[in-house]
């Protein structure tokens, strides 16, 4: 491949990259707007799922809560290190 071919390929890849970025942005915006519009409904369904899980499998709920706690703890430690 010579320089001209590489430059053409580079340009086409950049154009494709921009196109895909726009598609991804549109997709993300539509999902964000859905959750913004239906925030209460989504939260209510999540609470119902957790309540159902607590009744059916309390051990799984404990495991989920422990993972969430460890993740929050890790995030706080990371922020603390960045602030120093």
N, C-alpha and C. Protein backbone atom coordinates (compact mmCIF):
# COMPACT_ATOMS: atom_id res chain seq x y z
N UNK A 1 0.84 -1.20 0.00
CA UNK A 1 0.00 0.00 0.00
C UNK A 1 0.88 1.24 0.00
N UNK A 2 0.51 2.17 -0.83
CA UNK A 2 1.27 3.41 -0.82
C UNK A 2 0.53 4.46 0.01
N UNK A 3 1.12 5.63 0.08
CA UNK A 3 0.58 6.69 0.92
C UNK A 3 -0.82 7.12 0.53
N UNK A 4 -1.09 7.23 -0.77
CA UNK A 4 -2.40 7.68 -1.24
C UNK A 4 -3.50 6.71 -0.81
N UNK A 5 -3.23 5.43 -0.94
CA UNK A 5 -4.21 4.43 -0.54
C UNK A 5 -4.45 4.47 0.96
N UNK A 6 -3.38 4.65 1.71
CA UNK A 6 -3.52 4.75 3.16
C UNK A 6 -4.31 5.98 3.56
N UNK A 7 -4.07 7.10 2.89
CA UNK A 7 -4.83 8.32 3.19
C UNK A 7 -6.30 8.14 2.86
N UNK A 8 -6.61 7.52 1.73
CA UNK A 8 -8.01 7.27 1.37
C UNK A 8 -8.68 6.36 2.39
N UNK A 9 -7.97 5.32 2.77
CA UNK A 9 -8.53 4.39 3.76
C UNK A 9 -8.74 5.10 5.10
N UNK A 10 -7.81 5.94 5.47
CA UNK A 10 -7.92 6.70 6.70
C UNK A 10 -9.14 7.60 6.68
N UNK A 11 -9.36 8.28 5.57
CA UNK A 11 -10.51 9.17 5.44
C UNK A 11 -11.82 8.40 5.52
N UNK A 12 -11.89 7.27 4.83
CA UNK A 12 -13.13 6.47 4.87
C UNK A 12 -13.39 5.93 6.27
N UNK A 13 -12.34 5.53 6.96
CA UNK A 13 -12.51 5.04 8.33
C UNK A 13 -12.95 6.16 9.28
N UNK A 14 -12.43 7.36 9.08
CA UNK A 14 -12.86 8.49 9.90
C UNK A 14 -14.32 8.81 9.66
N UNK A 15 -14.74 8.78 8.41
CA UNK A 15 -16.15 9.04 8.08
C UNK A 15 -17.05 7.98 8.71
N UNK A 16 -16.64 6.73 8.61
CA UNK A 16 -17.42 5.64 9.20
C UNK A 16 -17.48 5.79 10.72
N UNK A 17 -16.38 6.19 11.31
CA UNK A 17 -16.32 6.39 12.75
C UNK A 17 -17.29 7.49 13.17
N UNK A 18 -17.32 8.59 12.44
CA UNK A 18 -18.25 9.70 12.76
C UNK A 18 -19.70 9.24 12.63
N UNK A 19 -19.98 8.48 11.57
CA UNK A 19 -21.34 7.96 11.36
C UNK A 19 -21.77 7.09 12.52
N UNK A 20 -20.90 6.20 12.96
CA UNK A 20 -21.21 5.30 14.07
C UNK A 20 -21.36 6.06 15.39
N UNK A 21 -20.56 7.10 15.57
CA UNK A 21 -20.69 7.92 16.78
C UNK A 21 -22.04 8.60 16.84
N UNK A 22 -22.50 9.10 15.69
CA UNK A 22 -23.82 9.75 15.64
C UNK A 22 -24.93 8.75 15.94
N UNK A 23 -24.82 7.54 15.38
CA UNK A 23 -25.82 6.51 15.64
C UNK A 23 -25.85 6.14 17.12
N UNK A 24 -24.68 6.00 17.71
CA UNK A 24 -24.59 5.66 19.13
C UNK A 24 -25.17 6.78 19.99
N UNK A 25 -24.88 8.00 19.63
CA UNK A 25 -25.40 9.14 20.37
C UNK A 25 -26.93 9.17 20.31
N UNK A 26 -27.49 8.94 19.12
CA UNK A 26 -28.95 8.91 18.98
C UNK A 26 -29.55 7.78 19.81
N UNK A 27 -28.92 6.63 19.79
CA UNK A 27 -29.41 5.49 20.57
C UNK A 27 -29.38 5.81 22.06
N UNK A 28 -28.28 6.35 22.53
CA UNK A 28 -28.15 6.67 23.95
C UNK A 28 -29.14 7.75 24.37
N UNK A 29 -29.35 8.75 23.53
CA UNK A 29 -30.29 9.81 23.85
C UNK A 29 -31.71 9.28 23.97
N UNK A 30 -32.08 8.36 23.07
CA UNK A 30 -33.43 7.81 23.14
C UNK A 30 -33.62 7.01 24.42
N UNK A 31 -32.61 6.26 24.82
CA UNK A 31 -32.71 5.48 26.06
C UNK A 31 -32.76 6.41 27.27
N UNK A 32 -31.95 7.45 27.27
CA UNK A 32 -31.96 8.40 28.38
C UNK A 32 -33.31 9.06 28.51
N UNK A 33 -33.87 9.47 27.38
CA UNK A 33 -35.16 10.16 27.44
C UNK A 33 -36.24 9.21 27.94
N UNK A 34 -36.17 7.93 27.58
CA UNK A 34 -37.15 6.96 28.09
C UNK A 34 -37.09 6.90 29.61
N UNK A 35 -35.87 6.77 30.15
CA UNK A 35 -35.74 6.66 31.60
C UNK A 35 -36.10 7.96 32.31
N UNK A 36 -35.85 9.09 31.68
CA UNK A 36 -36.24 10.35 32.28
C UNK A 36 -37.76 10.48 32.33
N UNK A 37 -38.43 10.05 31.27
CA UNK A 37 -39.88 10.15 31.22
C UNK A 37 -40.56 9.14 32.15
N UNK A 38 -39.97 7.95 32.28
CA UNK A 38 -40.59 6.86 33.03
C UNK A 38 -39.81 6.51 34.29
N UNK A 39 -39.20 7.50 34.90
CA UNK A 39 -38.35 7.29 36.06
C UNK A 39 -39.10 6.59 37.19
N UNK A 40 -40.31 7.06 37.49
CA UNK A 40 -41.07 6.47 38.59
C UNK A 40 -41.44 5.02 38.31
N UNK A 41 -41.84 4.75 37.08
CA UNK A 41 -42.22 3.40 36.70
C UNK A 41 -41.01 2.45 36.79
N UNK A 42 -39.88 2.89 36.31
CA UNK A 42 -38.67 2.06 36.35
C UNK A 42 -38.26 1.78 37.79
N UNK A 43 -38.30 2.80 38.64
CA UNK A 43 -37.94 2.61 40.04
C UNK A 43 -38.91 1.67 40.74
N UNK A 44 -40.20 1.81 40.42
CA UNK A 44 -41.21 0.95 41.03
C UNK A 44 -40.99 -0.50 40.64
N UNK A 45 -40.70 -0.75 39.37
CA UNK A 45 -40.46 -2.12 38.92
C UNK A 45 -39.21 -2.71 39.57
N UNK A 46 -38.19 -1.88 39.75
CA UNK A 46 -36.96 -2.36 40.40
C UNK A 46 -37.24 -2.74 41.85
N UNK A 47 -38.03 -1.93 42.54
CA UNK A 47 -38.38 -2.25 43.93
C UNK A 47 -39.17 -3.54 44.01
N UNK A 48 -40.09 -3.73 43.06
CA UNK A 48 -40.88 -4.96 43.05
C UNK A 48 -40.00 -6.18 42.80
N UNK A 49 -39.03 -6.04 41.90
CA UNK A 49 -38.11 -7.15 41.64
C UNK A 49 -37.30 -7.49 42.88
N UNK A 50 -36.82 -6.47 43.59
CA UNK A 50 -36.04 -6.72 44.80
C UNK A 50 -36.90 -7.38 45.88
N UNK A 51 -38.15 -6.93 46.00
CA UNK A 51 -39.04 -7.51 46.99
C UNK A 51 -39.31 -8.98 46.66
N UNK A 52 -39.54 -9.26 45.39
CA UNK A 52 -39.78 -10.64 44.95
C UNK A 52 -38.55 -11.50 45.20
N UNK A 53 -37.38 -10.95 44.92
CA UNK A 53 -36.13 -11.67 45.14
C UNK A 53 -35.92 -11.95 46.62
N UNK A 54 -36.27 -10.98 47.46
CA UNK A 54 -36.10 -11.16 48.90
C UNK A 54 -36.99 -12.29 49.41
N UNK A 55 -38.16 -12.42 48.83
CA UNK A 55 -39.07 -13.49 49.26
C UNK A 55 -38.60 -14.86 48.75
N UNK A 56 -38.17 -14.90 47.49
CA UNK A 56 -37.81 -16.18 46.87
C UNK A 56 -36.41 -16.66 47.26
N UNK A 57 -35.44 -15.74 47.27
CA UNK A 57 -34.06 -16.15 47.47
C UNK A 57 -33.30 -15.08 48.26
N UNK A 58 -33.42 -15.09 49.58
CA UNK A 58 -32.75 -14.05 50.38
C UNK A 58 -31.22 -14.10 50.30
N UNK A 59 -30.67 -15.27 50.06
CA UNK A 59 -29.22 -15.38 49.95
C UNK A 59 -28.70 -14.62 48.73
N UNK A 60 -29.43 -14.69 47.64
CA UNK A 60 -29.05 -13.97 46.42
C UNK A 60 -29.09 -12.47 46.67
N UNK A 61 -30.10 -12.02 47.41
CA UNK A 61 -30.22 -10.60 47.74
C UNK A 61 -29.04 -10.15 48.60
N UNK A 62 -28.64 -10.98 49.55
CA UNK A 62 -27.47 -10.65 50.38
C UNK A 62 -26.22 -10.51 49.52
N UNK A 63 -26.08 -11.41 48.56
CA UNK A 63 -24.93 -11.38 47.67
C UNK A 63 -24.93 -10.10 46.82
N UNK A 64 -26.09 -9.73 46.31
CA UNK A 64 -26.21 -8.51 45.50
C UNK A 64 -25.87 -7.28 46.34
N UNK A 65 -26.40 -7.23 47.56
CA UNK A 65 -26.11 -6.09 48.43
C UNK A 65 -24.64 -6.00 48.79
N UNK A 66 -24.02 -7.15 49.01
CA UNK A 66 -22.59 -7.16 49.34
C UNK A 66 -21.75 -6.65 48.18
N UNK A 67 -22.09 -7.08 46.95
CA UNK A 67 -21.37 -6.61 45.76
C UNK A 67 -21.52 -5.10 45.61
N UNK A 68 -22.73 -4.61 45.83
CA UNK A 68 -22.98 -3.16 45.71
C UNK A 68 -22.16 -2.40 46.74
N UNK A 69 -22.13 -2.92 47.97
CA UNK A 69 -21.35 -2.27 49.03
C UNK A 69 -19.87 -2.24 48.67
N UNK A 70 -19.34 -3.35 48.21
CA UNK A 70 -17.92 -3.41 47.87
C UNK A 70 -17.59 -2.47 46.71
N UNK A 71 -18.50 -2.37 45.77
CA UNK A 71 -18.29 -1.48 44.64
C UNK A 71 -18.30 -0.01 45.09
N UNK A 72 -19.24 0.34 45.98
CA UNK A 72 -19.27 1.71 46.51
C UNK A 72 -17.99 2.01 47.29
N UNK A 73 -17.56 1.05 48.08
CA UNK A 73 -16.35 1.21 48.89
C UNK A 73 -15.13 1.42 47.98
N UNK A 74 -15.04 0.62 46.92
CA UNK A 74 -13.93 0.75 45.98
C UNK A 74 -13.95 2.12 45.29
N UNK A 75 -15.13 2.58 44.93
CA UNK A 75 -15.27 3.87 44.27
C UNK A 75 -14.85 5.00 45.21
N UNK A 76 -15.24 4.92 46.47
CA UNK A 76 -14.84 5.94 47.44
C UNK A 76 -13.33 5.95 47.64
N UNK A 77 -12.73 4.79 47.71
CA UNK A 77 -11.27 4.71 47.87
C UNK A 77 -10.57 5.30 46.65
N UNK A 78 -11.11 5.04 45.48
CA UNK A 78 -10.53 5.57 44.25
C UNK A 78 -10.60 7.10 44.25
N UNK A 79 -11.76 7.64 44.63
CA UNK A 79 -11.92 9.10 44.69
C UNK A 79 -10.97 9.71 45.73
N UNK A 80 -10.82 9.01 46.83
CA UNK A 80 -9.93 9.50 47.90
C UNK A 80 -8.49 9.57 47.39
N UNK A 81 -8.06 8.56 46.64
CA UNK A 81 -6.70 8.55 46.09
C UNK A 81 -6.52 9.65 45.04
N UNK A 82 -7.56 9.92 44.27
CA UNK A 82 -7.46 10.98 43.25
C UNK A 82 -7.38 12.36 43.89
N UNK A 83 -8.03 12.53 45.03
CA UNK A 83 -8.03 13.84 45.70
C UNK A 83 -6.70 14.13 46.38
N UNK A 84 -5.95 13.10 46.69
CA UNK A 84 -4.68 13.30 47.38
C UNK A 84 -3.61 13.79 46.46
